[in-house]
Amino acid sequence: MEGEALKEGKARVRRVLIDPLIGRGMSRGRMTLAEEGEFLSRLEARLAYMAEDKLAALAETVAAYAGGKAKDRWPAEVSICNWARALQVPPAGASRLVRSMLQSAAGETAEAGGYLAELMLYLKKFGAPPNDFGYAQIRQRADDNRSRLARIRREQANGGASPADLEWMRGYLGARQFAQDIRAAKGVEQ
């Protein structure tokens, strides 16, 4: 996210999540005023992708897990971001992890191996780099997707592809192109 969309997203986080919780008594605890300001600014930026209804749900979760004796202290930033991810997965382009992995040697290997889109989708889903088992799953999924794509293209050429298959193909090809675009942006200002 950048520009006007980021500005609007930050304002939405402030309006739906931060201001209501502060209004209900959420306090900074042991953070200094400056530290709290930095913490809230980071939350605004990291959660700017979220829809209003998901932010409202996140506000309920944050309130339920508030710390301190009076249950009025902000939970850890990592906890808030993990709850946010559970409510609404950030778009791949918004994730530093996805950009970093796809633009690294791992992304180069994935592209050469034909599993770049599957790596991106894995990172988006799990929010962590894959281990050996994860890579095995990614490669298997890529093989399955290649087979499915080839079958759909054959059926499409014969006029027999189902609307559901064509929709899957559009989505898959879009995800693959998006992953390639992230790789191509390596070295370009994000």
N, C-alpha and C. Protein backbone atom coordinates (compact mmCIF):
# COMPACT_ATOMS: atom_id res chain seq x y z
N MET A 1 0.85 -1.18 0.00
CA MET A 1 0.00 0.00 0.00
C MET A 1 0.88 1.23 0.00
N GLU A 2 0.44 2.21 -0.72
CA GLU A 2 1.18 3.46 -0.73
C GLU A 2 0.24 4.60 -1.07
N GLY A 3 0.75 5.81 -0.92
CA GLY A 3 0.01 6.99 -1.31
C GLY A 3 -1.31 7.17 -0.58
N GLU A 4 -2.33 7.50 -1.35
CA GLU A 4 -3.65 7.81 -0.79
C GLU A 4 -4.28 6.61 -0.10
N ALA A 5 -4.10 5.41 -0.66
CA ALA A 5 -4.67 4.20 -0.06
C ALA A 5 -4.08 3.96 1.33
N LEU A 6 -2.77 4.17 1.48
CA LEU A 6 -2.13 4.00 2.77
C LEU A 6 -2.63 5.04 3.76
N LYS A 7 -2.75 6.27 3.31
CA LYS A 7 -3.24 7.35 4.17
C LYS A 7 -4.66 7.05 4.66
N GLU A 8 -5.52 6.60 3.75
CA GLU A 8 -6.89 6.26 4.13
C GLU A 8 -6.92 5.06 5.07
N GLY A 9 -6.06 4.07 4.80
CA GLY A 9 -6.00 2.89 5.66
C GLY A 9 -5.56 3.23 7.07
N LYS A 10 -4.55 4.08 7.19
CA LYS A 10 -4.08 4.51 8.52
C LYS A 10 -5.18 5.25 9.26
N ALA A 11 -5.88 6.13 8.56
CA ALA A 11 -6.98 6.87 9.19
C ALA A 11 -8.08 5.92 9.66
N ARG A 12 -8.35 4.88 8.87
CA ARG A 12 -9.37 3.89 9.23
C ARG A 12 -8.94 3.13 10.50
N VAL A 13 -7.66 2.75 10.58
CA VAL A 13 -7.15 2.06 11.77
C VAL A 13 -7.30 2.96 12.99
N ARG A 14 -6.97 4.22 12.83
CA ARG A 14 -7.08 5.18 13.94
C ARG A 14 -8.53 5.32 14.38
N ARG A 15 -9.43 5.47 13.40
CA ARG A 15 -10.86 5.72 13.70
C ARG A 15 -11.58 4.50 14.28
N VAL A 16 -11.26 3.30 13.76
CA VAL A 16 -12.03 2.11 14.13
C VAL A 16 -11.38 1.31 15.25
N LEU A 17 -10.06 1.32 15.33
CA LEU A 17 -9.35 0.51 16.32
C LEU A 17 -8.77 1.33 17.46
N ILE A 18 -7.90 2.25 17.13
CA ILE A 18 -7.12 2.94 18.16
C ILE A 18 -7.95 3.91 18.98
N ASP A 19 -8.61 4.87 18.33
CA ASP A 19 -9.37 5.88 19.09
C ASP A 19 -10.46 5.28 19.97
N PRO A 20 -11.25 4.32 19.49
CA PRO A 20 -12.25 3.73 20.38
C PRO A 20 -11.64 3.03 21.59
N LEU A 21 -10.51 2.34 21.40
CA LEU A 21 -9.89 1.67 22.54
C LEU A 21 -9.31 2.67 23.54
N ILE A 22 -8.70 3.72 23.04
CA ILE A 22 -8.20 4.76 23.94
C ILE A 22 -9.38 5.41 24.67
N GLY A 23 -10.47 5.64 23.94
CA GLY A 23 -11.67 6.21 24.55
C GLY A 23 -12.26 5.34 25.64
N ARG A 24 -12.07 4.03 25.52
CA ARG A 24 -12.58 3.10 26.54
C ARG A 24 -11.59 2.90 27.69
N GLY A 25 -10.43 3.56 27.61
CA GLY A 25 -9.50 3.52 28.72
C GLY A 25 -8.21 2.75 28.48
N MET A 26 -7.97 2.29 27.26
CA MET A 26 -6.72 1.59 26.97
C MET A 26 -5.57 2.56 27.21
N SER A 27 -4.58 2.11 27.97
CA SER A 27 -3.48 3.00 28.32
C SER A 27 -2.14 2.44 27.85
N ARG A 28 -1.13 3.28 27.96
CA ARG A 28 0.18 2.92 27.43
C ARG A 28 0.99 2.06 28.38
N GLY A 29 0.56 1.93 29.62
CA GLY A 29 1.31 1.12 30.58
C GLY A 29 2.67 1.71 30.84
N ARG A 30 3.70 0.91 30.67
CA ARG A 30 5.07 1.36 30.95
C ARG A 30 5.72 2.07 29.79
N MET A 31 5.04 2.19 28.67
CA MET A 31 5.59 2.92 27.53
C MET A 31 5.58 4.42 27.84
N THR A 32 6.60 5.11 27.36
CA THR A 32 6.58 6.57 27.44
C THR A 32 5.57 7.07 26.41
N LEU A 33 5.23 8.32 26.49
CA LEU A 33 4.31 8.91 25.52
C LEU A 33 4.87 8.78 24.10
N ALA A 34 6.17 9.00 23.94
CA ALA A 34 6.81 8.88 22.62
C ALA A 34 6.76 7.44 22.13
N GLU A 35 7.04 6.47 23.03
CA GLU A 35 7.00 5.06 22.65
C GLU A 35 5.59 4.64 22.24
N GLU A 36 4.61 5.13 22.97
CA GLU A 36 3.22 4.82 22.62
C GLU A 36 2.88 5.39 21.25
N GLY A 37 3.32 6.61 20.98
CA GLY A 37 3.07 7.21 19.68
C GLY A 37 3.67 6.40 18.56
N GLU A 38 4.91 5.93 18.75
CA GLU A 38 5.58 5.09 17.74
C GLU A 38 4.85 3.76 17.58
N PHE A 39 4.43 3.16 18.69
CA PHE A 39 3.70 1.89 18.69
C PHE A 39 2.40 2.04 17.89
N LEU A 40 1.65 3.08 18.17
CA LEU A 40 0.38 3.29 17.48
C LEU A 40 0.58 3.62 16.00
N SER A 41 1.65 4.36 15.68
CA SER A 41 1.96 4.65 14.27
C SER A 41 2.30 3.37 13.52
N ARG A 42 3.06 2.48 14.17
CA ARG A 42 3.39 1.20 13.52
C ARG A 42 2.12 0.38 13.30
N LEU A 43 1.22 0.37 14.29
CA LEU A 43 -0.04 -0.36 14.12
C LEU A 43 -0.83 0.21 12.95
N GLU A 44 -0.91 1.52 12.87
CA GLU A 44 -1.64 2.15 11.76
C GLU A 44 -1.09 1.67 10.42
N ALA A 45 0.23 1.67 10.28
CA ALA A 45 0.85 1.29 9.01
C ALA A 45 0.69 -0.20 8.73
N ARG A 46 0.87 -1.03 9.74
CA ARG A 46 0.83 -2.48 9.52
C ARG A 46 -0.59 -2.99 9.30
N LEU A 47 -1.59 -2.28 9.81
CA LEU A 47 -2.98 -2.75 9.71
C LEU A 47 -3.80 -1.96 8.70
N ALA A 48 -3.15 -1.07 7.96
CA ALA A 48 -3.86 -0.19 7.02
C ALA A 48 -4.60 -0.97 5.93
N TYR A 49 -4.22 -2.20 5.68
CA TYR A 49 -4.86 -3.02 4.65
C TYR A 49 -6.24 -3.52 5.08
N MET A 50 -6.54 -3.47 6.37
CA MET A 50 -7.74 -4.15 6.89
C MET A 50 -9.02 -3.37 6.60
N ALA A 51 -10.08 -4.14 6.37
CA ALA A 51 -11.41 -3.58 6.16
C ALA A 51 -11.98 -3.13 7.50
N GLU A 52 -12.92 -2.21 7.44
CA GLU A 52 -13.49 -1.63 8.65
C GLU A 52 -14.10 -2.68 9.58
N ASP A 53 -14.88 -3.62 9.02
CA ASP A 53 -15.52 -4.63 9.88
C ASP A 53 -14.49 -5.52 10.56
N LYS A 54 -13.38 -5.82 9.88
CA LYS A 54 -12.32 -6.64 10.47
C LYS A 54 -11.58 -5.87 11.56
N LEU A 55 -11.40 -4.57 11.35
CA LEU A 55 -10.78 -3.74 12.39
C LEU A 55 -11.66 -3.67 13.64
N ALA A 56 -12.98 -3.59 13.44
CA ALA A 56 -13.90 -3.57 14.59
C ALA A 56 -13.80 -4.88 15.37
N ALA A 57 -13.70 -6.00 14.66
CA ALA A 57 -13.54 -7.29 15.32
C ALA A 57 -12.20 -7.35 16.05
N LEU A 58 -11.16 -6.80 15.42
CA LEU A 58 -9.85 -6.77 16.05
C LEU A 58 -9.88 -5.93 17.33
N ALA A 59 -10.61 -4.83 17.31
CA ALA A 59 -10.73 -3.99 18.51
C ALA A 59 -11.32 -4.79 19.66
N GLU A 60 -12.32 -5.61 19.39
CA GLU A 60 -12.91 -6.46 20.43
C GLU A 60 -11.88 -7.45 20.98
N THR A 61 -11.09 -8.03 20.08
CA THR A 61 -10.07 -8.99 20.50
C THR A 61 -9.00 -8.31 21.34
N VAL A 62 -8.53 -7.15 20.90
CA VAL A 62 -7.51 -6.41 21.65
C VAL A 62 -8.04 -6.07 23.05
N ALA A 63 -9.28 -5.63 23.13
CA ALA A 63 -9.87 -5.30 24.44
C ALA A 63 -9.96 -6.54 25.32
N ALA A 64 -10.32 -7.66 24.74
CA ALA A 64 -10.46 -8.89 25.51
C ALA A 64 -9.12 -9.38 26.06
N TYR A 65 -8.04 -9.10 25.35
CA TYR A 65 -6.73 -9.57 25.76
C TYR A 65 -5.84 -8.45 26.30
N ALA A 66 -6.43 -7.36 26.72
CA ALA A 66 -5.65 -6.26 27.29
C ALA A 66 -4.90 -6.75 28.52
N GLY A 67 -3.73 -6.18 28.72
CA GLY A 67 -2.88 -6.60 29.83
C GLY A 67 -3.07 -5.72 31.07
N GLY A 68 -2.26 -6.00 32.07
CA GLY A 68 -2.28 -5.23 33.30
C GLY A 68 -3.36 -5.71 34.26
N LYS A 69 -3.23 -5.27 35.52
CA LYS A 69 -4.20 -5.67 36.55
C LYS A 69 -5.61 -5.23 36.20
N ALA A 70 -5.73 -4.04 35.62
CA ALA A 70 -7.05 -3.50 35.28
C ALA A 70 -7.47 -3.90 33.86
N LYS A 71 -6.67 -4.71 33.20
CA LYS A 71 -6.96 -5.12 31.81
C LYS A 71 -7.18 -3.92 30.90
N ASP A 72 -6.25 -2.95 31.02
CA ASP A 72 -6.36 -1.71 30.25
C ASP A 72 -5.07 -1.34 29.53
N ARG A 73 -4.17 -2.32 29.38
CA ARG A 73 -2.88 -2.07 28.74
C ARG A 73 -2.85 -2.71 27.35
N TRP A 74 -2.22 -2.03 26.39
CA TRP A 74 -2.12 -2.56 25.05
C TRP A 74 -1.40 -3.90 25.06
N PRO A 75 -1.94 -4.90 24.38
CA PRO A 75 -1.20 -6.15 24.21
C PRO A 75 0.03 -5.89 23.32
N ALA A 76 0.89 -6.87 23.22
CA ALA A 76 2.09 -6.75 22.39
C ALA A 76 1.71 -6.55 20.93
N GLU A 77 2.53 -5.77 20.23
CA GLU A 77 2.29 -5.50 18.81
C GLU A 77 2.21 -6.78 18.01
N VAL A 78 3.10 -7.74 18.31
CA VAL A 78 3.09 -8.99 17.56
C VAL A 78 1.77 -9.73 17.75
N SER A 79 1.23 -9.70 18.95
CA SER A 79 -0.06 -10.36 19.20
C SER A 79 -1.16 -9.69 18.39
N ILE A 80 -1.19 -8.38 18.40
CA ILE A 80 -2.22 -7.64 17.66
C ILE A 80 -2.12 -7.96 16.17
N CYS A 81 -0.91 -7.99 15.63
CA CYS A 81 -0.73 -8.28 14.21
C CYS A 81 -1.10 -9.72 13.87
N ASN A 82 -0.83 -10.65 14.78
CA ASN A 82 -1.22 -12.04 14.55
C ASN A 82 -2.74 -12.19 14.57
N TRP A 83 -3.42 -11.51 15.49
CA TRP A 83 -4.89 -11.55 15.52
C TRP A 83 -5.44 -10.93 14.24
N ALA A 84 -4.81 -9.85 13.80
CA ALA A 84 -5.25 -9.20 12.56
C ALA A 84 -5.12 -10.15 11.38
N ARG A 85 -4.02 -10.87 11.30
CA ARG A 85 -3.79 -11.82 10.21
C ARG A 85 -4.85 -12.92 10.23
N ALA A 86 -5.24 -13.35 11.42
CA ALA A 86 -6.28 -14.39 11.53
C ALA A 86 -7.63 -13.88 11.02
N LEU A 87 -7.87 -12.59 11.20
CA LEU A 87 -9.14 -12.00 10.75
C LEU A 87 -9.14 -11.67 9.26
N GLN A 88 -7.99 -11.18 8.77
CA GLN A 88 -7.88 -10.79 7.36
C GLN A 88 -6.42 -10.88 6.95
N VAL A 89 -6.15 -11.80 6.04
CA VAL A 89 -4.78 -11.98 5.57
C VAL A 89 -4.36 -10.76 4.76
N PRO A 90 -3.19 -10.21 5.06
CA PRO A 90 -2.75 -9.04 4.29
C PRO A 90 -2.48 -9.41 2.84
N PRO A 91 -2.70 -8.47 1.93
CA PRO A 91 -2.37 -8.76 0.54
C PRO A 91 -0.89 -9.05 0.41
N ALA A 92 -0.56 -9.92 -0.51
CA ALA A 92 0.83 -10.36 -0.65
C ALA A 92 1.78 -9.20 -0.83
N GLY A 93 1.42 -8.22 -1.61
CA GLY A 93 2.29 -7.08 -1.85
C GLY A 93 2.55 -6.26 -0.61
N ALA A 94 1.66 -6.38 0.37
CA ALA A 94 1.82 -5.60 1.59
C ALA A 94 2.78 -6.26 2.57
N SER A 95 3.12 -7.49 2.32
CA SER A 95 3.95 -8.25 3.25
C SER A 95 5.43 -8.11 2.92
N ARG A 96 6.17 -7.64 3.87
CA ARG A 96 7.63 -7.56 3.70
C ARG A 96 8.22 -8.95 3.54
N LEU A 97 7.63 -9.92 4.26
CA LEU A 97 8.11 -11.29 4.15
C LEU A 97 7.97 -11.81 2.72
N VAL A 98 6.81 -11.61 2.12
CA VAL A 98 6.58 -12.10 0.76
C VAL A 98 7.55 -11.42 -0.20
N ARG A 99 7.63 -10.10 -0.13
CA ARG A 99 8.55 -9.38 -1.03
C ARG A 99 9.98 -9.86 -0.84
N SER A 100 10.40 -9.97 0.41
CA SER A 100 11.77 -10.36 0.71
C SER A 100 12.08 -11.76 0.19
N MET A 101 11.19 -12.71 0.47
CA MET A 101 11.43 -14.09 0.02
C MET A 101 11.42 -14.20 -1.50
N LEU A 102 10.43 -13.58 -2.14
CA LEU A 102 10.32 -13.72 -3.59
C LEU A 102 11.46 -13.02 -4.32
N GLN A 103 12.02 -11.98 -3.70
CA GLN A 103 13.10 -11.24 -4.35
C GLN A 103 14.48 -11.78 -3.96
N SER A 104 14.50 -12.83 -3.14
CA SER A 104 15.76 -13.41 -2.70
C SER A 104 16.16 -14.58 -3.59
N ALA A 105 17.24 -15.24 -3.20
CA ALA A 105 17.67 -16.45 -3.91
C ALA A 105 16.59 -17.53 -3.85
N ALA A 106 15.85 -17.59 -2.75
CA ALA A 106 14.76 -18.57 -2.63
C ALA A 106 13.70 -18.31 -3.70
N GLY A 107 13.41 -17.05 -3.97
CA GLY A 107 12.45 -16.70 -5.02
C GLY A 107 12.98 -17.04 -6.40
N GLU A 108 14.28 -16.81 -6.59
CA GLU A 108 14.89 -17.16 -7.88
C GLU A 108 14.81 -18.67 -8.12
N THR A 109 15.10 -19.44 -7.06
CA THR A 109 15.01 -20.90 -7.16
C THR A 109 13.57 -21.34 -7.42
N ALA A 110 12.63 -20.71 -6.73
CA ALA A 110 11.22 -21.05 -6.91
C ALA A 110 10.76 -20.74 -8.33
N GLU A 111 11.20 -19.61 -8.85
CA GLU A 111 10.81 -19.25 -10.22
C GLU A 111 11.39 -20.25 -11.21
N ALA A 112 12.66 -20.60 -11.03
CA ALA A 112 13.30 -21.57 -11.93
C ALA A 112 12.65 -22.95 -11.80
N GLY A 113 12.19 -23.28 -10.59
CA GLY A 113 11.58 -24.58 -10.34
C GLY A 113 10.10 -24.64 -10.66
N GLY A 114 9.52 -23.49 -11.02
CA GLY A 114 8.11 -23.47 -11.39
C GLY A 114 7.14 -23.47 -10.23
N TYR A 115 7.58 -23.01 -9.07
CA TYR A 115 6.68 -22.98 -7.92
C TYR A 115 6.65 -21.61 -7.22
N LEU A 116 6.89 -20.56 -7.98
CA LEU A 116 6.91 -19.20 -7.42
C LEU A 116 5.55 -18.80 -6.86
N ALA A 117 4.48 -19.04 -7.61
CA ALA A 117 3.13 -18.67 -7.14
C ALA A 117 2.79 -19.45 -5.88
N GLU A 118 3.13 -20.72 -5.85
CA GLU A 118 2.82 -21.55 -4.69
C GLU A 118 3.61 -21.11 -3.46
N LEU A 119 4.87 -20.68 -3.66
CA LEU A 119 5.65 -20.14 -2.55
C LEU A 119 4.99 -18.88 -2.02
N MET A 120 4.57 -17.99 -2.92
CA MET A 120 3.91 -16.76 -2.48
C MET A 120 2.64 -17.07 -1.68
N LEU A 121 1.84 -17.98 -2.17
CA LEU A 121 0.60 -18.32 -1.48
C LEU A 121 0.86 -18.97 -0.13
N TYR A 122 1.90 -19.77 -0.03
CA TYR A 122 2.29 -20.38 1.24
C TYR A 122 2.69 -19.29 2.24
N LEU A 123 3.54 -18.37 1.79
CA LEU A 123 3.99 -17.30 2.68
C LEU A 123 2.81 -16.46 3.14
N LYS A 124 1.90 -16.19 2.24
CA LYS A 124 0.72 -15.39 2.58
C LYS A 124 -0.14 -16.12 3.60
N LYS A 125 -0.29 -17.41 3.42
CA LYS A 125 -1.15 -18.20 4.32
C LYS A 125 -0.53 -18.38 5.70
N PHE A 126 0.76 -18.74 5.75
CA PHE A 126 1.39 -19.11 7.01
C PHE A 126 2.19 -17.99 7.67
N GLY A 127 2.55 -16.96 6.90
CA GLY A 127 3.26 -15.82 7.49
C GLY A 127 4.65 -16.16 7.98
N ALA A 128 5.24 -17.23 7.45
CA ALA A 128 6.59 -17.64 7.85
C ALA A 128 7.23 -18.40 6.69
N PRO A 129 8.55 -18.37 6.61
CA PRO A 129 9.21 -19.13 5.55
C PRO A 129 8.97 -20.63 5.74
N PRO A 130 8.90 -21.36 4.65
CA PRO A 130 8.66 -22.80 4.76
C PRO A 130 9.91 -23.55 5.23
N ASN A 131 9.67 -24.66 5.95
CA ASN A 131 10.75 -25.57 6.28
C ASN A 131 10.82 -26.62 5.17
N ASP A 132 11.60 -27.67 5.36
CA ASP A 132 11.74 -28.69 4.31
C ASP A 132 10.39 -29.32 3.96
N PHE A 133 9.60 -29.62 4.97
CA PHE A 133 8.27 -30.20 4.73
C PHE A 133 7.39 -29.21 3.96
N GLY A 134 7.47 -27.94 4.34
CA GLY A 134 6.70 -26.91 3.64
C GLY A 134 7.10 -26.82 2.17
N TYR A 135 8.40 -26.87 1.89
CA TYR A 135 8.85 -26.84 0.49
C TYR A 135 8.36 -28.06 -0.28
N ALA A 136 8.34 -29.22 0.38
CA ALA A 136 7.82 -30.43 -0.29
C ALA A 136 6.34 -30.23 -0.65
N GLN A 137 5.58 -29.66 0.27
CA GLN A 137 4.16 -29.38 0.00
C GLN A 137 4.01 -28.38 -1.14
N ILE A 138 4.83 -27.35 -1.13
CA ILE A 138 4.77 -26.32 -2.16
C ILE A 138 5.06 -26.93 -3.54
N ARG A 139 6.08 -27.74 -3.62
CA ARG A 139 6.43 -28.37 -4.90
C ARG A 139 5.32 -29.31 -5.38
N GLN A 140 4.74 -30.06 -4.45
CA GLN A 140 3.64 -30.96 -4.81
C GLN A 140 2.44 -30.16 -5.31
N ARG A 141 2.13 -29.08 -4.63
CA ARG A 141 1.02 -28.22 -5.05
C ARG A 141 1.29 -27.64 -6.43
N ALA A 142 2.54 -27.25 -6.68
CA ALA A 142 2.89 -26.72 -8.01
C ALA A 142 2.71 -27.78 -9.09
N ASP A 143 3.12 -29.00 -8.80
CA ASP A 143 2.92 -30.09 -9.78
C ASP A 143 1.43 -30.30 -10.04
N ASP A 144 0.64 -30.32 -8.97
CA ASP A 144 -0.81 -30.49 -9.12
C ASP A 144 -1.41 -29.35 -9.94
N ASN A 145 -0.97 -28.12 -9.64
CA ASN A 145 -1.50 -26.95 -10.36
C ASN A 145 -1.11 -26.97 -11.85
N ARG A 146 0.12 -27.39 -12.14
CA ARG A 146 0.53 -27.50 -13.55
C ARG A 146 -0.34 -28.51 -14.30
N SER A 147 -0.60 -29.64 -13.65
CA SER A 147 -1.45 -30.67 -14.28
C SER A 147 -2.86 -30.15 -14.49
N ARG A 148 -3.39 -29.49 -13.48
CA ARG A 148 -4.75 -28.95 -13.59
C ARG A 148 -4.83 -27.89 -14.68
N LEU A 149 -3.83 -27.02 -14.72
CA LEU A 149 -3.80 -25.96 -15.73
C LEU A 149 -3.73 -26.55 -17.14
N ALA A 150 -2.92 -27.57 -17.32
CA ALA A 150 -2.80 -28.22 -18.64
C ALA A 150 -4.13 -28.86 -19.03
N ARG A 151 -4.79 -29.53 -18.07
CA ARG A 151 -6.08 -30.15 -18.35
C ARG A 151 -7.12 -29.11 -18.74
N ILE A 152 -7.18 -28.01 -18.00
CA ILE A 152 -8.17 -26.95 -18.28
C ILE A 152 -7.89 -26.35 -19.66
N ARG A 153 -6.64 -26.12 -19.98
CA ARG A 153 -6.31 -25.55 -21.30
C ARG A 153 -6.72 -26.49 -22.43
N ARG A 154 -6.51 -27.80 -22.23
CA ARG A 154 -6.96 -28.78 -23.24
C ARG A 154 -8.48 -28.73 -23.40
N GLU A 155 -9.18 -28.72 -22.25
CA GLU A 155 -10.64 -28.69 -22.29
C GLU A 155 -11.14 -27.38 -22.89
N GLN A 156 -10.45 -26.29 -22.59
CA GLN A 156 -10.83 -24.99 -23.14
C GLN A 156 -10.66 -24.99 -24.67
N ALA A 157 -9.58 -25.58 -25.14
CA ALA A 157 -9.34 -25.65 -26.58
C ALA A 157 -10.43 -26.47 -27.28
N ASN A 158 -10.98 -27.44 -26.58
CA ASN A 158 -12.05 -28.29 -27.15
C ASN A 158 -13.44 -27.76 -26.81
N GLY A 159 -13.51 -26.60 -26.13
CA GLY A 159 -14.79 -26.00 -25.79
C GLY A 159 -15.50 -26.68 -24.63
N GLY A 160 -14.77 -27.44 -23.81
CA GLY A 160 -15.42 -28.19 -22.74
C GLY A 160 -15.02 -27.80 -21.33
N ALA A 161 -14.31 -26.71 -21.15
CA ALA A 161 -13.88 -26.31 -19.80
C ALA A 161 -15.07 -25.74 -19.03
N SER A 162 -15.19 -26.12 -17.77
CA SER A 162 -16.30 -25.64 -16.95
C SER A 162 -16.04 -24.20 -16.50
N PRO A 163 -17.09 -23.46 -16.19
CA PRO A 163 -16.90 -22.09 -15.67
C PRO A 163 -16.05 -22.08 -14.40
N ALA A 164 -16.23 -23.08 -13.53
CA ALA A 164 -15.44 -23.13 -12.29
C ALA A 164 -13.95 -23.33 -12.61
N ASP A 165 -13.66 -24.19 -13.57
CA ASP A 165 -12.26 -24.41 -13.96
C ASP A 165 -11.66 -23.15 -14.58
N LEU A 166 -12.43 -22.49 -15.42
CA LEU A 166 -11.93 -21.25 -16.04
C LEU A 166 -11.68 -20.18 -14.99
N GLU A 167 -12.55 -20.10 -13.99
CA GLU A 167 -12.36 -19.14 -12.90
C GLU A 167 -11.10 -19.48 -12.10
N TRP A 168 -10.90 -20.77 -11.81
CA TRP A 168 -9.69 -21.19 -11.10
C TRP A 168 -8.46 -20.79 -11.92
N MET A 169 -8.49 -21.05 -13.22
CA MET A 169 -7.36 -20.74 -14.08
C MET A 169 -7.05 -19.24 -14.07
N ARG A 170 -8.08 -18.40 -14.15
CA ARG A 170 -7.85 -16.95 -14.10
C ARG A 170 -7.20 -16.54 -12.78
N GLY A 171 -7.71 -17.10 -11.68
CA GLY A 171 -7.14 -16.78 -10.37
C GLY A 171 -5.71 -17.25 -10.23
N TYR A 172 -5.45 -18.46 -10.69
CA TYR A 172 -4.10 -19.01 -10.59
C TYR A 172 -3.12 -18.22 -11.45
N LEU A 173 -3.50 -17.95 -12.68
CA LEU A 173 -2.61 -17.19 -13.56
C LEU A 173 -2.39 -15.78 -13.03
N GLY A 174 -3.42 -15.19 -12.40
CA GLY A 174 -3.27 -13.88 -11.79
C GLY A 174 -2.29 -13.91 -10.63
N ALA A 175 -2.39 -14.95 -9.79
CA ALA A 175 -1.46 -15.10 -8.66
C ALA A 175 -0.03 -15.30 -9.17
N ARG A 176 0.11 -16.10 -10.20
CA ARG A 176 1.44 -16.35 -10.77
C ARG A 176 2.03 -15.06 -11.33
N GLN A 177 1.23 -14.27 -12.03
CA GLN A 177 1.70 -13.00 -12.58
C GLN A 177 2.07 -12.02 -11.46
N PHE A 178 1.25 -12.00 -10.41
CA PHE A 178 1.53 -11.11 -9.27
C PHE A 178 2.86 -11.48 -8.63
N ALA A 179 3.12 -12.78 -8.45
CA ALA A 179 4.39 -13.22 -7.88
C ALA A 179 5.55 -12.83 -8.79
N GLN A 180 5.37 -12.98 -10.10
CA GLN A 180 6.42 -12.58 -11.04
C GLN A 180 6.65 -11.07 -11.00
N ASP A 181 5.58 -10.31 -10.83
CA ASP A 181 5.72 -8.85 -10.74
C ASP A 181 6.51 -8.45 -9.49
N ILE A 182 6.27 -9.16 -8.39
CA ILE A 182 7.02 -8.87 -7.16
C ILE A 182 8.50 -9.17 -7.40
N ARG A 183 8.80 -10.29 -8.04
CA ARG A 183 10.20 -10.62 -8.36
C ARG A 183 10.81 -9.56 -9.26
N ALA A 184 10.04 -9.13 -10.27
CA ALA A 184 10.56 -8.14 -11.22
C ALA A 184 10.82 -6.79 -10.56
N ALA A 185 10.14 -6.52 -9.45
CA ALA A 185 10.30 -5.23 -8.76
C ALA A 185 11.54 -5.20 -7.90
N LYS A 186 12.33 -6.27 -7.87
CA LYS A 186 13.54 -6.32 -7.06
C LYS A 186 14.44 -5.14 -7.42
N GLY A 187 14.82 -4.42 -6.39
CA GLY A 187 15.69 -3.27 -6.61
C GLY A 187 14.92 -1.99 -6.93
N VAL A 188 13.61 -2.11 -7.14
CA VAL A 188 12.79 -0.93 -7.40
C VAL A 188 12.23 -0.45 -6.07
N GLU A 189 12.17 0.83 -5.86
CA GLU A 189 11.63 1.41 -4.63
C GLU A 189 10.23 0.89 -4.38
N GLN A 190 9.99 0.33 -3.19
CA GLN A 190 8.68 -0.23 -2.83
C GLN A 190 7.80 0.80 -2.17
